[in-house]
Amino acid sequence: MGMFLAFYYFCSQNNKGMPAKEKTVFFCKECGNESPKWFGKCPACGAWNTCEESSVVTGKESKSVKKNIELESQSIPLPIKEISNAKEQRIILPYEELNRVLGGGLVLGSLTLVGGEPGIGKSTLLLQTALQLARRKVLYISGEESQTQIKMRAERIGIHNTDCLILTETNTQEILKHFKNVQPDIVVVDSIQTLESPYVDAAAGSISQIRETAAEMNKIAKAYQVPVFLIGHITKDGSIAGPKILEHIVDTVLQFEGDRHYGFRILRTIKNRFGSASELGIFEMNAIGLREVTNPSEILLSQRDEEVSGIAIAATMEGQRPMLIETQALVSSAAYGTPQRSATGFDIRRMNMLLAVLEKRAGFRLSIKDVFLNIAGGLHVDDPAIDLAVIAAVLSSNADIPIPSRYAFAAEVGLSGEIRAVTRIEARIAEADKLGFEKIFVSKYNAKGLDTKRFKIQIVPVASVYELGAELFG
């Protein structure tokens, strides 16, 4: 018995000094759930065919990365009444549109993920921001381009901040060494899929590497109170590549989107711990980079020499910003027997619902006609207040009677054909009034208690789809 105990003690002591071991685990690409064996359906989120095999390193060495980053102060539990309610410190960036989607500026110690399609302008936007920040030391880390390539792009954009430092590195421990030497005010990582940690035995871009490197960048941001931007790739279905836990680690998720055939780029907030998650910023791509669009309503409304049927202007809200957007509809006889339905920038299921409302409640025979709908400018609109403009555009195209270009619409349409009230109606009316519109059609429930004397624009309340048709076409 004594010999057995001695042998057990000898083995346990030797195991403490043994090197790290490799272990194969399986991750869910959607939620990051870890499992020791393969699975077809994720037991955590229920997604199918999202299992991916990866190798991880266990033991002392796998935990040493956490020792390399020392926190400046240890957190202690405090009564809620003793916690300071001072606002978080923010860095005001040179672009007002970028400040808007971040909630009023870049918060110190925050981790922000910027996703988008290849070539959409993610790197250009952040490089422009870094080059125009005055008196701020920015460390731009690139794992995809060389320093010479970045210098060529910077010269095209215009260099204003000589304190912008360019580093081409993918090893997180080397990045940490440079970070401590440089002590920057802002860090940009292009991109998170190119980083690799020496403590994870997996290829760069794998689930294990993305989880570990994102966690290391988050610890750097929080430990040194330095904001970090991460650029992320997206998959074919438009979601950010990597496990879903990547979006949970970061503080803010921004989606950079747009149509390559248009010059406009939309920066949309998906998640924000420091502000609204429904804000939107608009940029325009030109020969020297991106230009912010401070008044999108004037640009999204096309200038026409003559009135054309099938066009209506919607007064929508994107976050706290009112915008006037052109809605275009084309209604024609079905040439091939089966009517076609197509919508660009609008939910086609909601369009089908609105067409059914027109046929059932207003008596328009649209079931035998092709209907095509387009939101001008390449935007995708989810605001229910665009319903009334869609109805007006469809009726105008069906009757081939143009709607005056100085008319705007802002209301939701219900299944019974009633015109429903929408939020922030005064901001919508004020935007249309500022741009010189003559009339705006709203729900009669929104018009109650509204101070119409404040506006020069005529406010027309309507209660039903039938009443809207009578107001427009008699």
Foldseek 3Di string as FASTA:
>chain_A
DVVVVVVVVVVVVVVLPDAWDKAKWKAFFAAGDIGNDDDQADPPPRDGPRIDIFIATDHDLLPCLVVVQDFPDDDDDDDPVPDDPDAFDFDAWPDPLVCVLQARHHGFLFEEEEEEAPPLAPVLVVLLRLQPDPPFQEEEEEQPDDPVVSVVLCVLQDGRHPNYHYHYDAEVVVVVVVCVVSVGQEYEYHALQRHAYPRTPGHRNAQVRSVVSLLSVSSVRNRSRHYYYHYFYADPVGHTGYYNVSVVSGQWYWYWDFDPVAQKIKIATCHHPNHDRQAIWIWGQDRSGIHGDPACQVVQDDDDPDFWALKAWEFFDGPPDTHIWIKGKAKAFDPPFAAAFEEQLEDRVVVVLLVVLCCPQVPDPRRRIHMYMYTTPRHRDDGQQCSVRNLRSHVRNVVRNGFPPLEYEGFHADNNFWTHADPPVVNSQVSSQVVPRAEYEHAVVVVVPDDPVVGNHHYHHDTGSNRVCVVGPD
